[in-house]
């Protein structure tokens, strides 16, 4: 199979000769082999693993997203992905990433609240004029 993991602004991975893929959904994990029927699945945040002759078994931490299998091509579209380490190291990297993301998210929410407040004040000034 050919596996392509897509992020919003880049191709994260483009692998050929993949012999199996295991992905996580909200209902549990499922496996894909080369001759499985075409399918679409909503992915839950978790670990996707795949195996190829050249790379062996590889683990990729994924955010929620979508997996589409058409023929021998498998496309995974997610917002964030991490790989390149052993399973234990991947867990630590995920925890660091989510801590950083949480701080960034709090800053973004604060900025959005300020913008919303400003917008409401401006709308009220138009209404009273």
C-alpha atoms as a PDB file:
ATOM      1  CA  UNK A   1       0.000   0.000   0.000  1.00  0.00           C
ATOM      2  CA  UNK A   2       0.961   3.633  -0.342  1.00  0.00           C
ATOM      3  CA  UNK A   3       0.503   5.710   2.831  1.00  0.00           C
ATOM      4  CA  UNK A   4       0.349   9.486   2.776  1.00  0.00           C
ATOM      5  CA  UNK A   5      -0.111  11.452   6.015  1.00  0.00           C
ATOM      6  CA  UNK A   6      -1.293  14.981   5.312  1.00  0.00           C
ATOM      7  CA  UNK A   7      -1.118  17.980   7.645  1.00  0.00           C
ATOM      8  CA  UNK A   8      -2.833  21.312   6.878  1.00  0.00           C
ATOM      9  CA  UNK A   9       0.274  22.826   5.291  1.00  0.00           C
ATOM     10  CA  UNK A  10       2.540  19.927   4.385  1.00  0.00           C
ATOM     11  CA  UNK A  11       2.881  16.257   3.580  1.00  0.00           C
ATOM     12  CA  UNK A  12       4.090  14.691   6.831  1.00  0.00           C
ATOM     13  CA  UNK A  13       4.861  11.228   5.414  1.00  0.00           C
ATOM     14  CA  UNK A  14       4.711   9.601   1.995  1.00  0.00           C
ATOM     15  CA  UNK A  15       5.526   5.885   2.235  1.00  0.00           C
ATOM     16  CA  UNK A  16       5.344   3.107  -0.331  1.00  0.00           C
ATOM     17  CA  UNK A  17       5.299  -0.670   0.082  1.00  0.00           C
ATOM     18  CA  UNK A  18       3.439  -0.483   3.397  1.00  0.00           C
ATOM     19  CA  UNK A  19       2.343  -3.979   4.389  1.00  0.00           C
ATOM     20  CA  UNK A  20      -0.057  -3.102   7.233  1.00  0.00           C
ATOM     21  CA  UNK A  21      -1.545  -0.127   9.052  1.00  0.00           C
ATOM     22  CA  UNK A  22      -3.205  -0.010  12.473  1.00  0.00           C
ATOM     23  CA  UNK A  23      -5.259   3.085  13.317  1.00  0.00           C
ATOM     24  CA  UNK A  24      -7.408   4.278  16.232  1.00  0.00           C
ATOM     25  CA  UNK A  25     -11.053   5.316  15.991  1.00  0.00           C
ATOM     26  CA  UNK A  26     -13.490   6.209  18.756  1.00  0.00           C
ATOM     27  CA  UNK A  27     -14.824   2.644  18.522  1.00  0.00           C
ATOM     28  CA  UNK A  28     -11.367   1.081  18.879  1.00  0.00           C
ATOM     29  CA  UNK A  29      -8.444   0.149  16.677  1.00  0.00           C
ATOM     30  CA  UNK A  30      -8.618  -1.502  13.273  1.00  0.00           C
ATOM     31  CA  UNK A  31      -6.104  -2.831  10.808  1.00  0.00           C
ATOM     32  CA  UNK A  32      -5.633  -2.363   7.097  1.00  0.00           C
ATOM     33  CA  UNK A  33      -4.008  -4.918   4.833  1.00  0.00           C
ATOM     34  CA  UNK A  34      -3.323  -4.367   1.123  1.00  0.00           C
ATOM     35  CA  UNK A  35      -6.411  -6.178  -0.190  1.00  0.00           C
ATOM     36  CA  UNK A  36      -8.959  -4.781   2.257  1.00  0.00           C
ATOM     37  CA  UNK A  37     -11.990  -3.121   0.704  1.00  0.00           C
ATOM     38  CA  UNK A  38     -11.999   0.645   0.342  1.00  0.00           C
ATOM     39  CA  UNK A  39     -13.127   2.504   3.438  1.00  0.00           C
ATOM     40  CA  UNK A  40     -13.322   5.823   5.288  1.00  0.00           C
ATOM     41  CA  UNK A  41     -12.769   6.166   9.042  1.00  0.00           C
ATOM     42  CA  UNK A  42     -12.812   9.037  11.519  1.00  0.00           C
ATOM     43  CA  UNK A  43      -9.625   8.845  13.560  1.00  0.00           C
ATOM     44  CA  UNK A  44      -9.427   9.575  17.267  1.00  0.00           C
ATOM     45  CA  UNK A  45      -6.284  11.128  18.742  1.00  0.00           C
ATOM     46  CA  UNK A  46      -3.861   8.264  19.275  1.00  0.00           C
ATOM     47  CA  UNK A  47      -1.116   6.164  17.763  1.00  0.00           C
ATOM     48  CA  UNK A  48      -1.112   4.994  14.155  1.00  0.00           C
ATOM     49  CA  UNK A  49       1.382   2.272  13.358  1.00  0.00           C
ATOM     50  CA  UNK A  50       2.479   1.000   9.991  1.00  0.00           C
ATOM     51  CA  UNK A  51       4.966  -1.540   8.797  1.00  0.00           C
ATOM     52  CA  UNK A  52       7.044  -1.527   5.652  1.00  0.00           C
ATOM     53  CA  UNK A  53       9.970  -3.578   4.439  1.00  0.00           C
ATOM     54  CA  UNK A  54      12.321  -0.580   4.433  1.00  0.00           C
ATOM     55  CA  UNK A  55      11.337   1.052   7.774  1.00  0.00           C
ATOM     56  CA  UNK A  56      10.056  -1.863   9.857  1.00  0.00           C
ATOM     57  CA  UNK A  57       7.346  -0.873  12.340  1.00  0.00           C
ATOM     58  CA  UNK A  58       6.839   2.873  12.748  1.00  0.00           C
ATOM     59  CA  UNK A  59       4.637   4.658  15.307  1.00  0.00           C
ATOM     60  CA  UNK A  60       3.028   8.028  14.593  1.00  0.00           C
ATOM     61  CA  UNK A  61       1.087  10.064  17.154  1.00  0.00           C
ATOM     62  CA  UNK A  62      -1.883  11.706  15.455  1.00  0.00           C
ATOM     63  CA  UNK A  63      -4.464  14.280  16.333  1.00  0.00           C
ATOM     64  CA  UNK A  64      -8.035  13.496  15.314  1.00  0.00           C
ATOM     65  CA  UNK A  65      -8.636  13.316  11.596  1.00  0.00           C
ATOM     66  CA  UNK A  66      -9.791  11.153   8.699  1.00  0.00           C
ATOM     67  CA  UNK A  67      -8.402   8.026   7.022  1.00  0.00           C
ATOM     68  CA  UNK A  68      -9.427   7.161   3.448  1.00  0.00           C
ATOM     69  CA  UNK A  69      -8.430   3.921   1.690  1.00  0.00           C
ATOM     70  CA  UNK A  70      -8.939   3.760  -2.060  1.00  0.00           C
ATOM     71  CA  UNK A  71      -7.370   0.826  -3.840  1.00  0.00           C
ATOM     72  CA  UNK A  72      -3.751   0.603  -2.739  1.00  0.00           C
ATOM     73  CA  UNK A  73      -3.645   4.233  -1.539  1.00  0.00           C
ATOM     74  CA  UNK A  74      -4.272   5.241   2.080  1.00  0.00           C
ATOM     75  CA  UNK A  75      -4.616   8.934   2.934  1.00  0.00           C
ATOM     76  CA  UNK A  76      -4.588  10.183   6.513  1.00  0.00           C
ATOM     77  CA  UNK A  77      -5.488  13.832   7.069  1.00  0.00           C
ATOM     78  CA  UNK A  78      -4.850  15.274  10.557  1.00  0.00           C
ATOM     79  CA  UNK A  79      -3.983  18.618  12.164  1.00  0.00           C
ATOM     80  CA  UNK A  80      -0.841  17.446  13.981  1.00  0.00           C
ATOM     81  CA  UNK A  81       1.488  14.443  13.911  1.00  0.00           C
ATOM     82  CA  UNK A  82       4.699  13.345  15.659  1.00  0.00           C
ATOM     83  CA  UNK A  83       7.039  10.441  14.870  1.00  0.00           C
ATOM     84  CA  UNK A  84      10.681   9.413  14.725  1.00  0.00           C
ATOM     85  CA  UNK A  85      11.124   7.947  18.160  1.00  0.00           C
ATOM     86  CA  UNK A  86      10.437   4.891  20.238  1.00  0.00           C
ATOM     87  CA  UNK A  87       6.968   4.446  21.685  1.00  0.00           C
ATOM     88  CA  UNK A  88       7.975   5.635  25.198  1.00  0.00           C
ATOM     89  CA  UNK A  89       9.719   8.725  23.838  1.00  0.00           C
ATOM     90  CA  UNK A  90       6.701   9.442  21.660  1.00  0.00           C
ATOM     91  CA  UNK A  91       4.495   9.610  24.754  1.00  0.00           C
ATOM     92  CA  UNK A  92       6.814  12.157  26.404  1.00  0.00           C
ATOM     93  CA  UNK A  93       6.912  14.235  23.213  1.00  0.00           C
ATOM     94  CA  UNK A  94       3.110  14.218  23.041  1.00  0.00           C
ATOM     95  CA  UNK A  95       2.838  15.425  26.635  1.00  0.00           C
ATOM     96  CA  UNK A  96       5.295  18.276  25.941  1.00  0.00           C
ATOM     97  CA  UNK A  97       3.443  19.192  22.747  1.00  0.00           C
ATOM     98  CA  UNK A  98       0.053  19.319  24.484  1.00  0.00           C
ATOM     99  CA  UNK A  99       1.429  21.446  27.347  1.00  0.00           C
ATOM    100  CA  UNK A 100       2.818  23.929  24.823  1.00  0.00           C
ATOM    101  CA  UNK A 101      -0.384  23.794  22.796  1.00  0.00           C
ATOM    102  CA  UNK A 102      -2.473  24.374  25.934  1.00  0.00           C
ATOM    103  CA  UNK A 103      -0.506  27.544  26.795  1.00  0.00           C
ATOM    104  CA  UNK A 104      -0.823  28.763  23.206  1.00  0.00           C
ATOM    105  CA  UNK A 105      -4.541  27.947  23.165  1.00  0.00           C
ATOM    106  CA  UNK A 106      -5.104  29.957  26.372  1.00  0.00           C
ATOM    107  CA  UNK A 107      -3.336  32.945  24.819  1.00  0.00           C
ATOM    108  CA  UNK A 108      -5.434  32.624  21.652  1.00  0.00           C
ATOM    109  CA  UNK A 109      -8.680  32.415  23.626  1.00  0.00           C
ATOM    110  CA  UNK A 110      -7.743  35.532  25.595  1.00  0.00           C
ATOM    111  CA  UNK A 111      -7.007  37.406  22.358  1.00  0.00           C
ATOM    112  CA  UNK A 112     -10.293  36.248  20.817  1.00  0.00           C
ATOM    113  CA  UNK A 113     -12.246  37.339  23.911  1.00  0.00           C
ATOM    114  CA  UNK A 114     -10.683  40.821  23.655  1.00  0.00           C
ATOM    115  CA  UNK A 115     -11.534  41.006  19.944  1.00  0.00           C
ATOM    116  CA  UNK A 116     -15.122  39.890  20.586  1.00  0.00           C
ATOM    117  CA  UNK A 117     -15.517  42.491  23.332  1.00  0.00           C
ATOM    118  CA  UNK A 118     -14.185  45.215  21.040  1.00  0.00           C
ATOM    119  CA  UNK A 119     -16.527  44.112  18.240  1.00  0.00           C
ATOM    120  CA  UNK A 120     -19.547  44.203  20.556  1.00  0.00           C
ATOM    121  CA  UNK A 121     -18.607  47.699  21.826  1.00  0.00           C
ATOM    122  CA  UNK A 122     -18.288  48.967  18.249  1.00  0.00           C
ATOM    123  CA  UNK A 123     -21.604  47.414  17.245  1.00  0.00           C
ATOM    124  CA  UNK A 124     -23.280  49.024  20.273  1.00  0.00           C
ATOM    125  CA  UNK A 125     -21.833  52.425  19.297  1.00  0.00           C
ATOM    126  CA  UNK A 126     -23.296  52.059  15.774  1.00  0.00           C
ATOM    127  CA  UNK A 127     -26.646  51.079  17.216  1.00  0.00           C
ATOM    128  CA  UNK A 128     -26.842  54.089  19.536  1.00  0.00           C
ATOM    129  CA  UNK A 129     -25.791  56.522  16.782  1.00  0.00           C
END
